[in-house]
C-alpha cells in the first residue's frame, strides 16, 4: 500500500477520513488500525482489528462507493458519499464496536445483521462463489450457524 492518495477524489477522502476518525475514536485502545492506499492512491483501505477475538473486525474502503464491511460474505454495505449515508456508515461501525452484530452462515453464504442503538436492525446478505448460487438451502437464515459477536471491549480482554 502507498501512503499517498490522488487529490481528484478530495470529496471522497473527506467522507472516508470522517468515517475512519469516527471508528478510530470508538475503537480506541481496544483494537488496532491499518490504513493505506492502493491503485496508485485511488482507493483507501482501513482495517480495524479488535483485541477481543470474539468481536467483529471492521473494514472501510473508499472507492467508487464508501464500503463498510463486517462479514466474510455478507455484511458489505456500499454507501454513497452523502451525509445521510455517512450517518448510516457510522451507525454500522458503532454497532460493531458495541457488539451488536450477528452473522448467520451456511454453504457459501452469510447474512450479517446489525442492531443500532435505537433497536432498528439492518441486514446484508452475501455469497461466496457461483457454486453457492446453484445449491439451494431453503431456510438457511433460520438453521444456519449463528455467531453473536461481542463488543470490542470484552470483559476478559486485557
C-alpha atoms as a PDB file:
ATOM      1  CA  UNK A   1       0.000   0.000   0.000  1.00  0.00           C
ATOM      2  CA  UNK A   2       1.118   3.526  -0.675  1.00  0.00           C
ATOM      3  CA  UNK A   3       0.832   6.464   1.727  1.00  0.00           C
ATOM      4  CA  UNK A   4      -0.411   8.989  -0.840  1.00  0.00           C
ATOM      5  CA  UNK A   5      -3.813   9.481  -2.386  1.00  0.00           C
ATOM      6  CA  UNK A   6      -4.872  11.302  -5.517  1.00  0.00           C
ATOM      7  CA  UNK A   7      -6.296  14.791  -4.915  1.00  0.00           C
ATOM      8  CA  UNK A   8      -9.002  14.469  -7.609  1.00  0.00           C
ATOM      9  CA  UNK A   9     -11.090  12.481  -5.144  1.00  0.00           C
ATOM     10  CA  UNK A  10     -10.994  15.053  -2.321  1.00  0.00           C
ATOM     11  CA  UNK A  11     -14.738  14.793  -1.618  1.00  0.00           C
ATOM     12  CA  UNK A  12     -14.415  11.022  -1.203  1.00  0.00           C
ATOM     13  CA  UNK A  13     -11.382  11.497   1.040  1.00  0.00           C
ATOM     14  CA  UNK A  14     -13.318  13.974   3.215  1.00  0.00           C
ATOM     15  CA  UNK A  15     -16.013  11.366   3.909  1.00  0.00           C
ATOM     16  CA  UNK A  16     -13.513   8.497   4.226  1.00  0.00           C
ATOM     17  CA  UNK A  17     -11.428  10.500   6.726  1.00  0.00           C
ATOM     18  CA  UNK A  18     -14.540  11.330   8.765  1.00  0.00           C
ATOM     19  CA  UNK A  19     -15.648   7.692   8.938  1.00  0.00           C
ATOM     20  CA  UNK A  20     -12.144   6.440   9.765  1.00  0.00           C
ATOM     21  CA  UNK A  21     -11.750   9.071  12.506  1.00  0.00           C
ATOM     22  CA  UNK A  22     -15.154   8.130  13.942  1.00  0.00           C
ATOM     23  CA  UNK A  23     -14.167   4.436  14.017  1.00  0.00           C
ATOM     24  CA  UNK A  24     -10.772   5.333  15.494  1.00  0.00           C
ATOM     25  CA  UNK A  25     -12.480   7.213  18.358  1.00  0.00           C
ATOM     26  CA  UNK A  26     -14.883   4.334  19.082  1.00  0.00           C
ATOM     27  CA  UNK A  27     -12.275   1.579  18.869  1.00  0.00           C
ATOM     28  CA  UNK A  28      -9.648   3.453  20.912  1.00  0.00           C
ATOM     29  CA  UNK A  29      -7.169   1.116  22.594  1.00  0.00           C
ATOM     30  CA  UNK A  30      -9.493  -1.894  22.134  1.00  0.00           C
ATOM     31  CA  UNK A  31      -8.234  -2.665  18.628  1.00  0.00           C
ATOM     32  CA  UNK A  32      -5.563  -1.991  16.054  1.00  0.00           C
ATOM     33  CA  UNK A  33      -5.775   0.003  12.850  1.00  0.00           C
ATOM     34  CA  UNK A  34      -4.121  -0.466   9.476  1.00  0.00           C
ATOM     35  CA  UNK A  35      -4.569   2.369   6.958  1.00  0.00           C
ATOM     36  CA  UNK A  36      -3.242   2.586   3.411  1.00  0.00           C
ATOM     37  CA  UNK A  37      -3.954   3.380  -0.223  1.00  0.00           C
ATOM     38  CA  UNK A  38      -3.907   1.118  -3.282  1.00  0.00           C
ATOM     39  CA  UNK A  39      -4.319   1.508  -7.044  1.00  0.00           C
ATOM     40  CA  UNK A  40      -1.849   4.415  -7.112  1.00  0.00           C
ATOM     41  CA  UNK A  41      -3.737   6.295  -4.412  1.00  0.00           C
ATOM     42  CA  UNK A  42      -7.216   5.886  -5.914  1.00  0.00           C
ATOM     43  CA  UNK A  43      -8.607   3.585  -3.201  1.00  0.00           C
ATOM     44  CA  UNK A  44      -8.309   3.997   0.566  1.00  0.00           C
ATOM     45  CA  UNK A  45      -8.450   0.981   2.867  1.00  0.00           C
ATOM     46  CA  UNK A  46      -8.668   0.974   6.656  1.00  0.00           C
ATOM     47  CA  UNK A  47      -8.970  -2.179   8.756  1.00  0.00           C
ATOM     48  CA  UNK A  48      -9.801  -2.220  12.465  1.00  0.00           C
ATOM     49  CA  UNK A  49      -8.992  -5.485  14.220  1.00  0.00           C
ATOM     50  CA  UNK A  50     -10.424  -5.908  17.715  1.00  0.00           C
ATOM     51  CA  UNK A  51      -8.261  -7.080  20.595  1.00  0.00           C
ATOM     52  CA  UNK A  52     -11.222  -9.227  21.658  1.00  0.00           C
ATOM     53  CA  UNK A  53     -11.122 -12.270  19.342  1.00  0.00           C
ATOM     54  CA  UNK A  54     -14.897 -12.681  19.747  1.00  0.00           C
ATOM     55  CA  UNK A  55     -15.606  -9.224  18.293  1.00  0.00           C
ATOM     56  CA  UNK A  56     -16.045  -8.467  14.566  1.00  0.00           C
ATOM     57  CA  UNK A  57     -13.389  -6.711  12.517  1.00  0.00           C
ATOM     58  CA  UNK A  58     -14.346  -3.571  10.579  1.00  0.00           C
ATOM     59  CA  UNK A  59     -13.142  -2.787   7.070  1.00  0.00           C
ATOM     60  CA  UNK A  60     -13.676   0.647   5.493  1.00  0.00           C
ATOM     61  CA  UNK A  61     -12.904   1.234   1.812  1.00  0.00           C
ATOM     62  CA  UNK A  62     -13.074   4.438  -0.221  1.00  0.00           C
ATOM     63  CA  UNK A  63     -13.575   3.578  -3.883  1.00  0.00           C
ATOM     64  CA  UNK A  64     -16.487   4.297  -6.206  1.00  0.00           C
ATOM     65  CA  UNK A  65     -18.593   3.739  -3.083  1.00  0.00           C
ATOM     66  CA  UNK A  66     -17.801   4.097   0.580  1.00  0.00           C
ATOM     67  CA  UNK A  67     -17.790   0.447   1.644  1.00  0.00           C
ATOM     68  CA  UNK A  68     -18.202  -0.709   5.246  1.00  0.00           C
ATOM     69  CA  UNK A  69     -17.675  -4.444   5.719  1.00  0.00           C
ATOM     70  CA  UNK A  70     -18.319  -6.522   8.845  1.00  0.00           C
ATOM     71  CA  UNK A  71     -18.521 -10.028   7.408  1.00  0.00           C
ATOM     72  CA  UNK A  72     -16.778 -12.525   5.191  1.00  0.00           C
ATOM     73  CA  UNK A  73     -19.509 -12.981   2.575  1.00  0.00           C
ATOM     74  CA  UNK A  74     -22.398 -10.905   3.921  1.00  0.00           C
ATOM     75  CA  UNK A  75     -22.095  -7.643   5.775  1.00  0.00           C
ATOM     76  CA  UNK A  76     -20.835  -5.449   2.928  1.00  0.00           C
ATOM     77  CA  UNK A  77     -22.629  -2.118   2.730  1.00  0.00           C
ATOM     78  CA  UNK A  78     -21.881   0.047  -0.324  1.00  0.00           C
ATOM     79  CA  UNK A  79     -22.780   3.625   0.564  1.00  0.00           C
ATOM     80  CA  UNK A  80     -22.891   6.873  -1.384  1.00  0.00           C
ATOM     81  CA  UNK A  81     -20.708   9.791  -0.299  1.00  0.00           C
ATOM     82  CA  UNK A  82     -23.660  11.735   1.127  1.00  0.00           C
ATOM     83  CA  UNK A  83     -24.243  12.951   4.684  1.00  0.00           C
ATOM     84  CA  UNK A  84     -27.167  10.517   5.077  1.00  0.00           C
ATOM     85  CA  UNK A  85     -25.036   7.547   4.014  1.00  0.00           C
ATOM     86  CA  UNK A  86     -22.148   8.806   6.187  1.00  0.00           C
ATOM     87  CA  UNK A  87     -24.544   8.655   9.132  1.00  0.00           C
ATOM     88  CA  UNK A  88     -25.548   5.091   8.212  1.00  0.00           C
ATOM     89  CA  UNK A  89     -21.886   4.050   7.980  1.00  0.00           C
ATOM     90  CA  UNK A  90     -21.257   5.455  11.443  1.00  0.00           C
ATOM     91  CA  UNK A  91     -24.247   3.553  12.862  1.00  0.00           C
ATOM     92  CA  UNK A  92     -22.954   0.287  11.360  1.00  0.00           C
ATOM     93  CA  UNK A  93     -19.491   0.876  12.837  1.00  0.00           C
ATOM     94  CA  UNK A  94     -20.935   1.782  16.251  1.00  0.00           C
ATOM     95  CA  UNK A  95     -22.983  -1.439  16.260  1.00  0.00           C
ATOM     96  CA  UNK A  96     -19.852  -3.498  15.530  1.00  0.00           C
ATOM     97  CA  UNK A  97     -17.778  -1.842  18.255  1.00  0.00           C
ATOM     98  CA  UNK A  98     -20.637  -2.280  20.745  1.00  0.00           C
ATOM     99  CA  UNK A  99     -21.047  -5.971  19.847  1.00  0.00           C
ATOM    100  CA  UNK A 100     -24.489  -5.674  18.273  1.00  0.00           C
ATOM    101  CA  UNK A 101     -23.679  -7.882  15.272  1.00  0.00           C
ATOM    102  CA  UNK A 102     -24.951 -11.342  14.360  1.00  0.00           C
ATOM    103  CA  UNK A 103     -23.890 -13.459  11.410  1.00  0.00           C
ATOM    104  CA  UNK A 104     -25.868 -16.435  10.089  1.00  0.00           C
ATOM    105  CA  UNK A 105     -23.812 -18.712   7.797  1.00  0.00           C
ATOM    106  CA  UNK A 106     -24.476 -21.649   5.515  1.00  0.00           C
ATOM    107  CA  UNK A 107     -22.634 -23.082   2.500  1.00  0.00           C
ATOM    108  CA  UNK A 108     -21.196 -20.164   0.519  1.00  0.00           C
ATOM    109  CA  UNK A 109     -23.411 -17.503   2.049  1.00  0.00           C
ATOM    110  CA  UNK A 110     -23.890 -15.374   5.114  1.00  0.00           C
ATOM    111  CA  UNK A 111     -26.236 -12.726   6.410  1.00  0.00           C
ATOM    112  CA  UNK A 112     -24.888 -10.103   8.786  1.00  0.00           C
ATOM    113  CA  UNK A 113     -27.390  -8.213  10.918  1.00  0.00           C
ATOM    114  CA  UNK A 114     -26.500  -5.119  12.911  1.00  0.00           C
ATOM    115  CA  UNK A 115     -28.693  -3.653  15.627  1.00  0.00           C
ATOM    116  CA  UNK A 116     -28.491   0.088  16.019  1.00  0.00           C
ATOM    117  CA  UNK A 117     -28.643   1.865  19.348  1.00  0.00           C
ATOM    118  CA  UNK A 118     -32.359   2.638  18.838  1.00  0.00           C
ATOM    119  CA  UNK A 119     -33.157  -1.079  18.270  1.00  0.00           C
ATOM    120  CA  UNK A 120     -33.538  -0.808  14.476  1.00  0.00           C
ATOM    121  CA  UNK A 121     -31.861  -3.652  12.575  1.00  0.00           C
ATOM    122  CA  UNK A 122     -30.221  -3.766   9.172  1.00  0.00           C
ATOM    123  CA  UNK A 123     -29.115  -6.921   7.350  1.00  0.00           C
ATOM    124  CA  UNK A 124     -26.957  -7.584   4.321  1.00  0.00           C
ATOM    125  CA  UNK A 125     -26.542 -10.968   2.624  1.00  0.00           C
ATOM    126  CA  UNK A 126     -23.600 -12.027   0.534  1.00  0.00           C
ATOM    127  CA  UNK A 127     -22.487 -15.114  -1.372  1.00  0.00           C
ATOM    128  CA  UNK A 128     -19.074 -16.711  -1.958  1.00  0.00           C
ATOM    129  CA  UNK A 129     -18.584 -18.010  -5.461  1.00  0.00           C
ATOM    130  CA  UNK A 130     -21.014 -19.121  -8.125  1.00  0.00           C
ATOM    131  CA  UNK A 131     -21.451 -22.642  -6.789  1.00  0.00           C
ATOM    132  CA  UNK A 132     -23.337 -21.363  -3.747  1.00  0.00           C
ATOM    133  CA  UNK A 133     -25.995 -19.901  -6.044  1.00  0.00           C
ATOM    134  CA  UNK A 134     -26.707 -23.356  -7.540  1.00  0.00           C
ATOM    135  CA  UNK A 135     -27.018 -25.156  -4.202  1.00  0.00           C
ATOM    136  CA  UNK A 136     -30.431 -24.370  -2.736  1.00  0.00           C
ATOM    137  CA  UNK A 137     -30.535 -24.212   1.045  1.00  0.00           C
ATOM    138  CA  UNK A 138     -34.106 -23.432   1.929  1.00  0.00           C
ATOM    139  CA  UNK A 139     -34.472 -21.772   5.301  1.00  0.00           C
ATOM    140  CA  UNK A 140     -30.728 -21.286   5.816  1.00  0.00           C
ATOM    141  CA  UNK A 141     -31.374 -17.933   7.524  1.00  0.00           C
ATOM    142  CA  UNK A 142     -33.109 -19.897  10.302  1.00  0.00           C
ATOM    143  CA  UNK A 143     -30.965 -23.017  10.628  1.00  0.00           C
ATOM    144  CA  UNK A 144     -27.507 -21.804   9.501  1.00  0.00           C
ATOM    145  CA  UNK A 145     -24.741 -21.424  12.074  1.00  0.00           C
ATOM    146  CA  UNK A 146     -25.288 -18.288  14.139  1.00  0.00           C
ATOM    147  CA  UNK A 147     -22.465 -16.208  15.597  1.00  0.00           C
ATOM    148  CA  UNK A 148     -23.195 -13.366  18.005  1.00  0.00           C
ATOM    149  CA  UNK A 149     -20.197 -11.095  18.180  1.00  0.00           C
ATOM    150  CA  UNK A 150     -19.026  -9.405  21.373  1.00  0.00           C
ATOM    151  CA  UNK A 151     -18.088  -5.772  21.959  1.00  0.00           C
ATOM    152  CA  UNK A 152     -14.561  -4.638  21.237  1.00  0.00           C
ATOM    153  CA  UNK A 153     -14.136  -4.046  24.956  1.00  0.00           C
ATOM    154  CA  UNK A 154     -14.861  -7.558  26.208  1.00  0.00           C
ATOM    155  CA  UNK A 155     -14.868  -8.486  29.909  1.00  0.00           C
ATOM    156  CA  UNK A 156     -11.942 -10.886  29.528  1.00  0.00           C
ATOM    157  CA  UNK A 157      -9.850  -8.710  27.239  1.00  0.00           C
ATOM    158  CA  UNK A 158      -6.835  -7.118  28.869  1.00  0.00           C
END
